[in-house]
């Protein structure tokens, strides 16, 4: 490969508009692209970058690798190690209030939690003045600082409360 290129993840439910044409013969519209990874000329793959214009085609459409891993875990198709590997390489949106402080609210089980999203597609369900994008290590630090867990994708079909220790472990332990 001579130039950096994007490897895109397209919503699995996307279908081309014209009958008789395969999806391979048509470029998907921006709102059907979940996001992608920048692949450098030397083959190094960057972190997943979610597409802020992505609109899931169905409620079952994953919005990003973490959302997909949570869905697969709920179905018993992957284990915690797979989730850890995805968490470690992901970025998260932390909801901020009008004073630019993290929003902390009760999870459905009444445990105080930091409100976190895995992709812009989840942000519309959360009342926040702004968003701070952080990696797993930074998120683990915020959770420790505020002594709370993370409510991931509040209001989503796969909304999950992850223990602060789970995110901390994922952030610091190498895959394998």
N, C-alpha and C. Protein backbone atom coordinates (compact mmCIF):
# COMPACT_ATOMS: atom_id res chain seq x y z
N UNK A 1 0.86 -1.16 0.00
CA UNK A 1 0.00 0.00 0.00
C UNK A 1 0.90 1.23 0.00
N UNK A 2 0.62 2.18 -0.87
CA UNK A 2 1.49 3.34 -0.98
C UNK A 2 0.98 4.55 -0.23
N UNK A 3 -0.31 4.63 0.05
CA UNK A 3 -0.88 5.77 0.77
C UNK A 3 -1.72 5.27 1.94
N UNK A 4 -1.95 6.17 2.90
CA UNK A 4 -2.88 5.84 3.97
C UNK A 4 -4.27 5.65 3.35
N UNK A 5 -5.03 4.71 3.88
CA UNK A 5 -6.37 4.45 3.37
C UNK A 5 -7.31 4.18 4.54
N UNK A 6 -8.59 4.43 4.31
CA UNK A 6 -9.60 4.14 5.31
C UNK A 6 -10.22 2.78 5.04
N UNK A 7 -10.35 1.98 6.08
CA UNK A 7 -11.09 0.73 6.02
C UNK A 7 -12.42 1.02 6.72
N UNK A 8 -13.52 1.02 5.95
CA UNK A 8 -14.82 1.43 6.47
C UNK A 8 -15.66 0.25 6.93
N UNK A 9 -16.44 0.49 7.96
CA UNK A 9 -17.41 -0.48 8.46
C UNK A 9 -18.78 0.04 8.08
N UNK A 10 -19.51 -0.72 7.25
CA UNK A 10 -20.83 -0.32 6.76
C UNK A 10 -21.90 -1.07 7.54
N UNK A 11 -23.00 -0.39 7.84
CA UNK A 11 -24.13 -1.01 8.53
C UNK A 11 -24.51 -2.29 7.80
N UNK A 12 -24.53 -3.43 8.51
CA UNK A 12 -24.85 -4.70 7.83
C UNK A 12 -26.25 -4.72 7.23
N UNK A 13 -27.14 -3.86 7.68
CA UNK A 13 -28.50 -3.82 7.14
C UNK A 13 -28.63 -2.93 5.91
N UNK A 14 -27.56 -2.22 5.54
CA UNK A 14 -27.64 -1.32 4.38
C UNK A 14 -27.81 -2.12 3.09
N UNK A 15 -28.70 -1.64 2.26
CA UNK A 15 -28.95 -2.24 0.95
C UNK A 15 -28.85 -1.15 -0.11
N UNK A 16 -28.35 -1.47 -1.30
CA UNK A 16 -28.29 -0.46 -2.36
C UNK A 16 -29.70 -0.03 -2.77
N UNK A 17 -29.82 1.20 -3.23
CA UNK A 17 -31.12 1.75 -3.59
C UNK A 17 -31.70 1.12 -4.85
N UNK A 18 -30.86 0.80 -5.80
CA UNK A 18 -31.34 0.28 -7.08
C UNK A 18 -31.47 -1.23 -7.04
N UNK A 19 -32.59 -1.72 -7.55
CA UNK A 19 -32.75 -3.17 -7.67
C UNK A 19 -31.81 -3.69 -8.74
N UNK A 20 -31.34 -4.88 -8.54
CA UNK A 20 -30.48 -5.50 -9.55
C UNK A 20 -29.01 -5.17 -9.41
N UNK A 21 -28.66 -4.23 -8.53
CA UNK A 21 -27.24 -3.91 -8.32
C UNK A 21 -26.82 -4.45 -6.97
N UNK A 22 -25.65 -4.99 -6.93
CA UNK A 22 -25.15 -5.51 -5.65
C UNK A 22 -24.64 -4.36 -4.80
N UNK A 23 -24.61 -4.57 -3.49
CA UNK A 23 -24.07 -3.55 -2.59
C UNK A 23 -22.61 -3.27 -2.92
N UNK A 24 -21.90 -4.28 -3.43
CA UNK A 24 -20.48 -4.10 -3.77
C UNK A 24 -20.32 -3.12 -4.93
N UNK A 25 -21.33 -2.99 -5.76
CA UNK A 25 -21.24 -2.10 -6.91
C UNK A 25 -21.68 -0.68 -6.62
N UNK A 26 -22.03 -0.40 -5.40
CA UNK A 26 -22.53 0.92 -5.03
C UNK A 26 -21.85 1.39 -3.76
N UNK A 27 -21.50 2.65 -3.72
CA UNK A 27 -20.94 3.21 -2.48
C UNK A 27 -22.09 3.53 -1.54
N UNK A 28 -21.97 3.17 -0.27
CA UNK A 28 -23.03 3.49 0.67
C UNK A 28 -23.05 4.99 0.96
N UNK A 29 -24.22 5.53 1.30
CA UNK A 29 -24.28 6.94 1.70
C UNK A 29 -23.58 7.11 3.06
N UNK A 30 -23.19 8.33 3.36
CA UNK A 30 -22.46 8.61 4.61
C UNK A 30 -23.20 8.10 5.84
N UNK A 31 -24.53 8.23 5.85
CA UNK A 31 -25.29 7.82 7.03
C UNK A 31 -25.33 6.30 7.22
N UNK A 32 -24.87 5.52 6.23
CA UNK A 32 -24.82 4.05 6.35
C UNK A 32 -23.44 3.56 6.77
N UNK A 33 -22.47 4.47 6.87
CA UNK A 33 -21.11 4.10 7.27
C UNK A 33 -20.99 4.25 8.79
N UNK A 34 -20.79 3.13 9.47
CA UNK A 34 -20.68 3.13 10.93
C UNK A 34 -19.45 3.93 11.36
N UNK A 35 -18.35 3.76 10.66
CA UNK A 35 -17.09 4.42 10.97
C UNK A 35 -15.98 3.69 10.26
N UNK A 36 -14.76 3.87 10.74
CA UNK A 36 -13.67 3.18 10.08
C UNK A 36 -12.36 3.29 10.83
N UNK A 37 -11.37 2.63 10.26
CA UNK A 37 -10.02 2.61 10.80
C UNK A 37 -9.09 3.18 9.74
N UNK A 38 -8.20 4.08 10.11
CA UNK A 38 -7.19 4.57 9.19
C UNK A 38 -6.06 3.55 9.15
N UNK A 39 -5.76 3.07 7.95
CA UNK A 39 -4.68 2.11 7.76
C UNK A 39 -3.53 2.86 7.11
N UNK A 40 -2.42 2.96 7.83
CA UNK A 40 -1.25 3.69 7.34
C UNK A 40 -0.58 2.91 6.21
N UNK A 41 0.22 3.62 5.45
CA UNK A 41 0.93 3.01 4.33
C UNK A 41 1.78 1.81 4.77
N UNK A 42 2.26 1.84 6.03
CA UNK A 42 3.07 0.73 6.53
C UNK A 42 2.23 -0.42 7.08
N UNK A 43 0.90 -0.30 7.01
CA UNK A 43 0.01 -1.36 7.47
C UNK A 43 -0.50 -1.19 8.89
N UNK A 44 0.01 -0.20 9.62
CA UNK A 44 -0.46 0.03 10.99
C UNK A 44 -1.91 0.51 10.95
N UNK A 45 -2.72 -0.06 11.83
CA UNK A 45 -4.14 0.27 11.87
C UNK A 45 -4.42 1.15 13.08
N UNK A 46 -5.08 2.28 12.85
CA UNK A 46 -5.42 3.20 13.93
C UNK A 46 -6.67 2.77 14.68
N UNK A 47 -7.05 3.56 15.67
CA UNK A 47 -8.26 3.29 16.44
C UNK A 47 -9.50 3.50 15.57
N UNK A 48 -10.57 2.83 15.93
CA UNK A 48 -11.85 3.00 15.23
C UNK A 48 -12.32 4.43 15.42
N UNK A 49 -12.75 5.05 14.33
CA UNK A 49 -13.29 6.41 14.36
C UNK A 49 -14.77 6.32 14.00
N UNK A 50 -15.68 6.60 14.95
CA UNK A 50 -17.10 6.54 14.62
C UNK A 50 -17.50 7.68 13.68
N UNK A 51 -18.47 7.42 12.84
CA UNK A 51 -18.99 8.42 11.91
C UNK A 51 -20.11 9.19 12.61
N UNK A 52 -19.96 10.50 12.84
CA UNK A 52 -21.01 11.25 13.53
C UNK A 52 -22.31 11.34 12.73
N UNK A 53 -22.27 11.06 11.43
CA UNK A 53 -23.47 11.11 10.59
C UNK A 53 -24.16 9.76 10.46
N UNK A 54 -23.61 8.73 11.09
CA UNK A 54 -24.19 7.38 10.97
C UNK A 54 -25.58 7.32 11.60
N UNK A 55 -26.51 6.72 10.87
CA UNK A 55 -27.87 6.49 11.36
C UNK A 55 -28.14 5.00 11.25
N UNK A 56 -28.20 4.27 12.37
CA UNK A 56 -28.44 2.83 12.30
C UNK A 56 -29.71 2.51 11.50
N UNK A 57 -29.60 1.54 10.60
CA UNK A 57 -30.73 1.17 9.74
C UNK A 57 -31.82 0.46 10.52
N UNK A 58 -31.43 -0.28 11.56
CA UNK A 58 -32.40 -1.01 12.39
C UNK A 58 -31.94 -0.91 13.84
N UNK A 59 -32.84 -1.19 14.79
CA UNK A 59 -32.41 -1.20 16.20
C UNK A 59 -31.33 -2.24 16.48
N UNK A 60 -31.22 -3.25 15.63
CA UNK A 60 -30.21 -4.29 15.82
C UNK A 60 -28.86 -3.93 15.22
N UNK A 61 -28.79 -2.83 14.49
CA UNK A 61 -27.53 -2.43 13.85
C UNK A 61 -26.56 -1.91 14.91
N UNK A 62 -25.37 -2.50 15.01
CA UNK A 62 -24.38 -1.99 15.98
C UNK A 62 -23.85 -0.63 15.53
N UNK A 63 -23.52 0.20 16.49
CA UNK A 63 -23.04 1.55 16.17
C UNK A 63 -21.52 1.66 16.16
N UNK A 64 -20.84 0.64 16.68
CA UNK A 64 -19.39 0.69 16.81
C UNK A 64 -18.92 -0.65 17.36
N UNK A 65 -17.61 -0.89 17.42
CA UNK A 65 -17.12 -2.18 17.92
C UNK A 65 -17.53 -2.51 19.37
N UNK A 66 -17.57 -1.52 20.26
CA UNK A 66 -17.97 -1.80 21.64
C UNK A 66 -19.44 -2.22 21.68
N UNK A 67 -20.29 -1.49 20.97
CA UNK A 67 -21.71 -1.85 20.91
C UNK A 67 -21.87 -3.26 20.35
N UNK A 68 -21.13 -3.58 19.30
CA UNK A 68 -21.20 -4.92 18.72
C UNK A 68 -20.75 -5.98 19.73
N UNK A 69 -19.66 -5.71 20.45
CA UNK A 69 -19.16 -6.67 21.44
C UNK A 69 -20.16 -6.86 22.58
N UNK A 70 -20.79 -5.77 23.04
CA UNK A 70 -21.80 -5.89 24.10
C UNK A 70 -22.98 -6.74 23.63
N UNK A 71 -23.40 -6.55 22.37
CA UNK A 71 -24.50 -7.35 21.81
C UNK A 71 -24.10 -8.82 21.75
N UNK A 72 -22.89 -9.08 21.27
CA UNK A 72 -22.41 -10.47 21.16
C UNK A 72 -22.27 -11.12 22.54
N UNK A 73 -21.82 -10.35 23.53
CA UNK A 73 -21.72 -10.89 24.90
C UNK A 73 -23.09 -11.23 25.44
N UNK A 74 -24.07 -10.34 25.21
CA UNK A 74 -25.43 -10.59 25.69
C UNK A 74 -26.01 -11.86 25.07
N UNK A 75 -25.60 -12.16 23.85
CA UNK A 75 -26.07 -13.37 23.16
C UNK A 75 -25.19 -14.58 23.46
N UNK A 76 -24.15 -14.40 24.29
CA UNK A 76 -23.26 -15.50 24.64
C UNK A 76 -22.31 -15.92 23.54
N UNK A 77 -22.09 -15.03 22.57
CA UNK A 77 -21.24 -15.38 21.42
C UNK A 77 -19.77 -15.00 21.61
N UNK A 78 -19.47 -14.11 22.55
CA UNK A 78 -18.08 -13.77 22.86
C UNK A 78 -17.94 -13.70 24.38
N UNK A 79 -16.69 -13.80 24.84
CA UNK A 79 -16.45 -13.73 26.28
C UNK A 79 -15.91 -12.36 26.68
N UNK A 80 -15.66 -12.21 27.96
CA UNK A 80 -15.18 -10.93 28.49
C UNK A 80 -13.85 -10.52 27.88
N UNK A 81 -12.99 -11.48 27.54
CA UNK A 81 -11.69 -11.13 26.94
C UNK A 81 -11.88 -10.38 25.63
N UNK A 82 -12.87 -10.78 24.84
CA UNK A 82 -13.13 -10.09 23.57
C UNK A 82 -13.61 -8.67 23.84
N UNK A 83 -14.48 -8.50 24.84
CA UNK A 83 -14.93 -7.16 25.20
C UNK A 83 -13.76 -6.32 25.68
N UNK A 84 -12.89 -6.88 26.53
CA UNK A 84 -11.73 -6.14 27.03
C UNK A 84 -10.87 -5.64 25.87
N UNK A 85 -10.62 -6.50 24.90
CA UNK A 85 -9.78 -6.12 23.76
C UNK A 85 -10.39 -4.95 23.00
N UNK A 86 -11.70 -4.97 22.84
CA UNK A 86 -12.38 -3.88 22.12
C UNK A 86 -12.38 -2.61 22.97
N UNK A 87 -12.68 -2.73 24.26
CA UNK A 87 -12.68 -1.55 25.14
C UNK A 87 -11.33 -0.85 25.12
N UNK A 88 -10.27 -1.64 25.18
CA UNK A 88 -8.91 -1.10 25.26
C UNK A 88 -8.59 -0.21 24.05
N UNK A 89 -9.13 -0.54 22.89
CA UNK A 89 -8.80 0.18 21.66
C UNK A 89 -9.87 1.19 21.24
N UNK A 90 -10.79 1.51 22.14
CA UNK A 90 -11.91 2.38 21.76
C UNK A 90 -11.84 3.75 22.42
N UNK A 91 -12.64 4.65 21.87
CA UNK A 91 -12.83 5.96 22.46
C UNK A 91 -14.28 6.06 22.91
N UNK A 92 -14.51 6.90 23.91
CA UNK A 92 -15.83 7.03 24.53
C UNK A 92 -16.19 8.50 24.64
N UNK A 93 -17.48 8.78 24.58
CA UNK A 93 -17.97 10.12 24.83
C UNK A 93 -18.49 10.18 26.26
N UNK A 94 -17.96 11.09 27.05
CA UNK A 94 -18.42 11.28 28.42
C UNK A 94 -19.31 12.51 28.44
N UNK A 95 -20.54 12.34 28.94
CA UNK A 95 -21.49 13.44 29.02
C UNK A 95 -21.00 14.46 30.04
N UNK A 96 -21.09 15.75 29.66
CA UNK A 96 -20.68 16.84 30.55
C UNK A 96 -21.86 17.76 30.81
N UNK A 97 -21.91 18.34 32.01
CA UNK A 97 -22.97 19.29 32.34
C UNK A 97 -22.57 20.70 31.93
N UNK A 98 -23.39 21.67 32.31
CA UNK A 98 -23.14 23.07 31.91
C UNK A 98 -21.85 23.64 32.50
N UNK A 99 -21.30 23.00 33.53
CA UNK A 99 -20.04 23.43 34.13
C UNK A 99 -18.85 22.60 33.64
N UNK A 100 -19.09 21.81 32.59
CA UNK A 100 -18.07 20.94 31.99
C UNK A 100 -17.59 19.85 32.95
N UNK A 101 -18.49 19.44 33.85
CA UNK A 101 -18.21 18.32 34.76
C UNK A 101 -18.92 17.08 34.23
N UNK A 102 -18.35 15.90 34.46
CA UNK A 102 -19.02 14.67 34.02
C UNK A 102 -20.41 14.52 34.65
N UNK A 103 -21.35 14.06 33.83
CA UNK A 103 -22.71 13.82 34.31
C UNK A 103 -22.75 12.44 34.99
N UNK A 104 -23.19 12.44 36.24
CA UNK A 104 -23.32 11.21 37.02
C UNK A 104 -24.79 11.06 37.37
N UNK A 105 -25.34 9.88 37.10
CA UNK A 105 -26.76 9.62 37.35
C UNK A 105 -26.93 8.15 37.72
N UNK A 106 -28.07 7.81 38.31
CA UNK A 106 -28.30 6.40 38.64
C UNK A 106 -28.51 5.56 37.38
N UNK A 107 -27.91 4.39 37.38
CA UNK A 107 -28.17 3.39 36.33
C UNK A 107 -29.53 2.77 36.64
N UNK A 108 -30.07 1.95 35.74
CA UNK A 108 -31.36 1.31 36.02
C UNK A 108 -31.39 0.51 37.33
N UNK A 109 -30.23 0.05 37.80
CA UNK A 109 -30.17 -0.68 39.08
C UNK A 109 -29.83 0.25 40.25
N UNK A 110 -29.97 1.57 40.02
CA UNK A 110 -29.78 2.61 41.04
C UNK A 110 -28.34 2.81 41.51
N UNK A 111 -27.37 2.28 40.80
CA UNK A 111 -25.97 2.52 41.12
C UNK A 111 -25.52 3.78 40.39
N UNK A 112 -24.94 4.74 41.12
CA UNK A 112 -24.47 5.97 40.48
C UNK A 112 -23.40 5.64 39.44
N UNK A 113 -23.57 6.25 38.27
CA UNK A 113 -22.70 5.93 37.14
C UNK A 113 -22.44 7.15 36.29
N UNK A 114 -21.27 7.16 35.69
CA UNK A 114 -20.90 8.18 34.70
C UNK A 114 -21.61 7.81 33.40
N UNK A 115 -22.23 8.79 32.74
CA UNK A 115 -22.94 8.53 31.49
C UNK A 115 -21.95 8.59 30.33
N UNK A 116 -21.84 7.46 29.62
CA UNK A 116 -20.81 7.27 28.60
C UNK A 116 -21.46 6.72 27.33
N UNK A 117 -21.02 7.20 26.17
CA UNK A 117 -21.48 6.62 24.91
C UNK A 117 -20.28 6.09 24.14
N UNK A 118 -20.58 5.12 23.28
CA UNK A 118 -19.53 4.51 22.47
C UNK A 118 -19.49 5.07 21.06
N UNK A 119 -20.51 5.87 20.69
CA UNK A 119 -20.57 6.47 19.36
C UNK A 119 -21.55 7.64 19.39
N UNK A 120 -21.37 8.61 18.49
CA UNK A 120 -22.29 9.75 18.45
C UNK A 120 -23.76 9.36 18.28
N UNK A 121 -24.04 8.23 17.67
CA UNK A 121 -25.43 7.79 17.46
C UNK A 121 -26.18 7.61 18.78
N UNK A 122 -25.48 7.43 19.89
CA UNK A 122 -26.13 7.22 21.19
C UNK A 122 -26.34 8.52 21.97
N UNK A 123 -25.79 9.60 21.53
CA UNK A 123 -25.79 10.82 22.34
C UNK A 123 -27.15 11.51 22.42
N UNK A 124 -28.02 11.30 21.46
CA UNK A 124 -29.32 11.96 21.46
C UNK A 124 -30.22 11.53 22.61
N UNK A 125 -29.94 10.40 23.23
CA UNK A 125 -30.75 9.92 24.35
C UNK A 125 -30.26 10.45 25.70
N UNK A 126 -29.21 11.23 25.70
CA UNK A 126 -28.60 11.71 26.94
C UNK A 126 -28.64 13.23 26.97
N UNK A 127 -29.13 13.77 28.08
CA UNK A 127 -29.12 15.23 28.24
C UNK A 127 -27.73 15.64 28.70
N UNK A 128 -27.02 16.29 27.80
CA UNK A 128 -25.66 16.74 28.11
C UNK A 128 -25.43 18.06 27.40
N UNK A 129 -24.69 18.93 28.05
CA UNK A 129 -24.33 20.21 27.44
C UNK A 129 -23.20 20.04 26.44
N UNK A 130 -22.34 19.06 26.70
CA UNK A 130 -21.18 18.83 25.83
C UNK A 130 -20.71 17.40 26.04
N UNK A 131 -19.73 17.01 25.23
CA UNK A 131 -19.16 15.67 25.31
C UNK A 131 -17.64 15.77 25.33
N UNK A 132 -17.02 14.95 26.14
CA UNK A 132 -15.56 14.85 26.16
C UNK A 132 -15.20 13.46 25.65
N UNK A 133 -14.38 13.42 24.61
CA UNK A 133 -13.95 12.14 24.05
C UNK A 133 -12.69 11.69 24.78
N UNK A 134 -12.73 10.45 25.29
CA UNK A 134 -11.62 9.91 26.07
C UNK A 134 -11.34 8.48 25.61
N UNK A 135 -10.13 8.01 25.90
CA UNK A 135 -9.81 6.60 25.63
C UNK A 135 -10.11 5.80 26.90
N UNK A 136 -9.89 4.50 26.85
CA UNK A 136 -10.22 3.63 27.98
C UNK A 136 -9.43 3.98 29.24
N UNK A 137 -8.17 4.31 29.08
CA UNK A 137 -7.35 4.66 30.25
C UNK A 137 -7.85 5.94 30.90
N UNK A 138 -8.19 6.94 30.09
CA UNK A 138 -8.72 8.20 30.63
C UNK A 138 -10.08 7.98 31.29
N UNK A 139 -10.91 7.14 30.67
CA UNK A 139 -12.21 6.83 31.26
C UNK A 139 -12.03 6.14 32.61
N UNK A 140 -11.12 5.20 32.69
CA UNK A 140 -10.85 4.51 33.95
C UNK A 140 -10.43 5.51 35.03
N UNK A 141 -9.61 6.48 34.66
CA UNK A 141 -9.20 7.51 35.61
C UNK A 141 -10.36 8.35 36.10
N UNK A 142 -11.27 8.71 35.19
CA UNK A 142 -12.44 9.50 35.58
C UNK A 142 -13.35 8.71 36.52
N UNK A 143 -13.52 7.43 36.23
CA UNK A 143 -14.36 6.59 37.08
C UNK A 143 -13.76 6.47 38.48
N UNK A 144 -12.45 6.30 38.55
CA UNK A 144 -11.78 6.21 39.85
C UNK A 144 -11.89 7.53 40.61
N UNK A 145 -11.69 8.63 39.90
CA UNK A 145 -11.76 9.96 40.53
C UNK A 145 -13.13 10.21 41.15
N UNK A 146 -14.19 9.81 40.46
CA UNK A 146 -15.55 10.07 40.94
C UNK A 146 -16.15 8.89 41.71
N UNK A 147 -15.39 7.79 41.79
CA UNK A 147 -15.81 6.59 42.51
C UNK A 147 -17.18 6.08 42.05
N UNK A 148 -17.32 5.94 40.72
CA UNK A 148 -18.56 5.46 40.11
C UNK A 148 -18.24 4.43 39.03
N UNK A 149 -19.28 3.75 38.56
CA UNK A 149 -19.17 2.85 37.41
C UNK A 149 -19.53 3.64 36.16
N UNK A 150 -19.57 2.97 35.02
CA UNK A 150 -19.94 3.61 33.75
C UNK A 150 -21.24 3.02 33.24
N UNK A 151 -22.21 3.88 32.95
CA UNK A 151 -23.42 3.44 32.27
C UNK A 151 -23.17 3.69 30.79
N UNK A 152 -22.97 2.62 30.04
CA UNK A 152 -22.59 2.70 28.63
C UNK A 152 -23.84 2.73 27.76
N UNK A 153 -23.93 3.74 26.92
CA UNK A 153 -25.05 3.93 25.99
C UNK A 153 -26.40 3.94 26.69
N UNK A 154 -26.61 4.89 27.61
CA UNK A 154 -27.87 4.96 28.35
C UNK A 154 -29.08 4.99 27.40
N UNK A 155 -30.08 4.20 27.73
CA UNK A 155 -31.31 4.17 26.94
C UNK A 155 -31.26 3.29 25.70
N UNK A 156 -30.10 2.78 25.36
CA UNK A 156 -29.97 1.93 24.17
C UNK A 156 -30.42 0.51 24.49
N UNK A 157 -30.69 -0.24 23.44
CA UNK A 157 -31.09 -1.64 23.59
C UNK A 157 -30.04 -2.43 24.37
N UNK A 158 -28.77 -2.10 24.18
CA UNK A 158 -27.69 -2.81 24.86
C UNK A 158 -27.03 -1.96 25.94
N UNK A 159 -27.77 -1.01 26.51
CA UNK A 159 -27.22 -0.21 27.60
C UNK A 159 -26.74 -1.15 28.70
N UNK A 160 -25.53 -0.87 29.19
CA UNK A 160 -24.90 -1.76 30.16
C UNK A 160 -24.14 -0.94 31.19
N UNK A 161 -24.24 -1.36 32.46
CA UNK A 161 -23.40 -0.74 33.48
C UNK A 161 -22.15 -1.59 33.59
N UNK A 162 -21.01 -0.97 33.31
CA UNK A 162 -19.73 -1.66 33.45
C UNK A 162 -19.05 -1.16 34.72
N UNK A 163 -18.55 -2.09 35.50
CA UNK A 163 -17.83 -1.74 36.72
C UNK A 163 -16.58 -0.93 36.38
N UNK A 164 -16.25 0.01 37.23
CA UNK A 164 -15.04 0.80 37.03
C UNK A 164 -13.82 -0.12 36.95
N UNK A 165 -13.80 -1.17 37.77
CA UNK A 165 -12.66 -2.09 37.76
C UNK A 165 -12.55 -2.84 36.44
N UNK A 166 -13.66 -3.13 35.79
CA UNK A 166 -13.64 -3.80 34.49
C UNK A 166 -12.97 -2.92 33.45
N UNK A 167 -13.34 -1.65 33.44
CA UNK A 167 -12.75 -0.73 32.47
C UNK A 167 -11.28 -0.50 32.79
N UNK A 168 -10.94 -0.39 34.07
CA UNK A 168 -9.54 -0.22 34.45
C UNK A 168 -8.71 -1.43 34.02
N UNK A 169 -9.23 -2.63 34.25
CA UNK A 169 -8.52 -3.85 33.83
C UNK A 169 -8.34 -3.87 32.31
N UNK A 170 -9.39 -3.55 31.59
CA UNK A 170 -9.32 -3.55 30.13
C UNK A 170 -8.30 -2.53 29.63
N UNK A 171 -8.22 -1.40 30.31
CA UNK A 171 -7.34 -0.32 29.85
C UNK A 171 -5.86 -0.64 30.03
N UNK A 172 -5.53 -1.43 31.05
CA UNK A 172 -4.11 -1.62 31.36
C UNK A 172 -3.55 -2.99 31.02
N UNK A 173 -4.40 -3.98 30.84
CA UNK A 173 -3.89 -5.33 30.57
C UNK A 173 -3.82 -5.61 29.08
N UNK A 174 -2.69 -6.11 28.62
CA UNK A 174 -2.56 -6.42 27.20
C UNK A 174 -3.48 -7.56 26.80
N UNK A 175 -3.82 -7.59 25.53
CA UNK A 175 -4.67 -8.66 25.00
C UNK A 175 -3.97 -10.00 25.17
N UNK A 176 -4.78 -11.05 25.25
CA UNK A 176 -4.21 -12.39 25.32
C UNK A 176 -4.42 -12.96 26.65
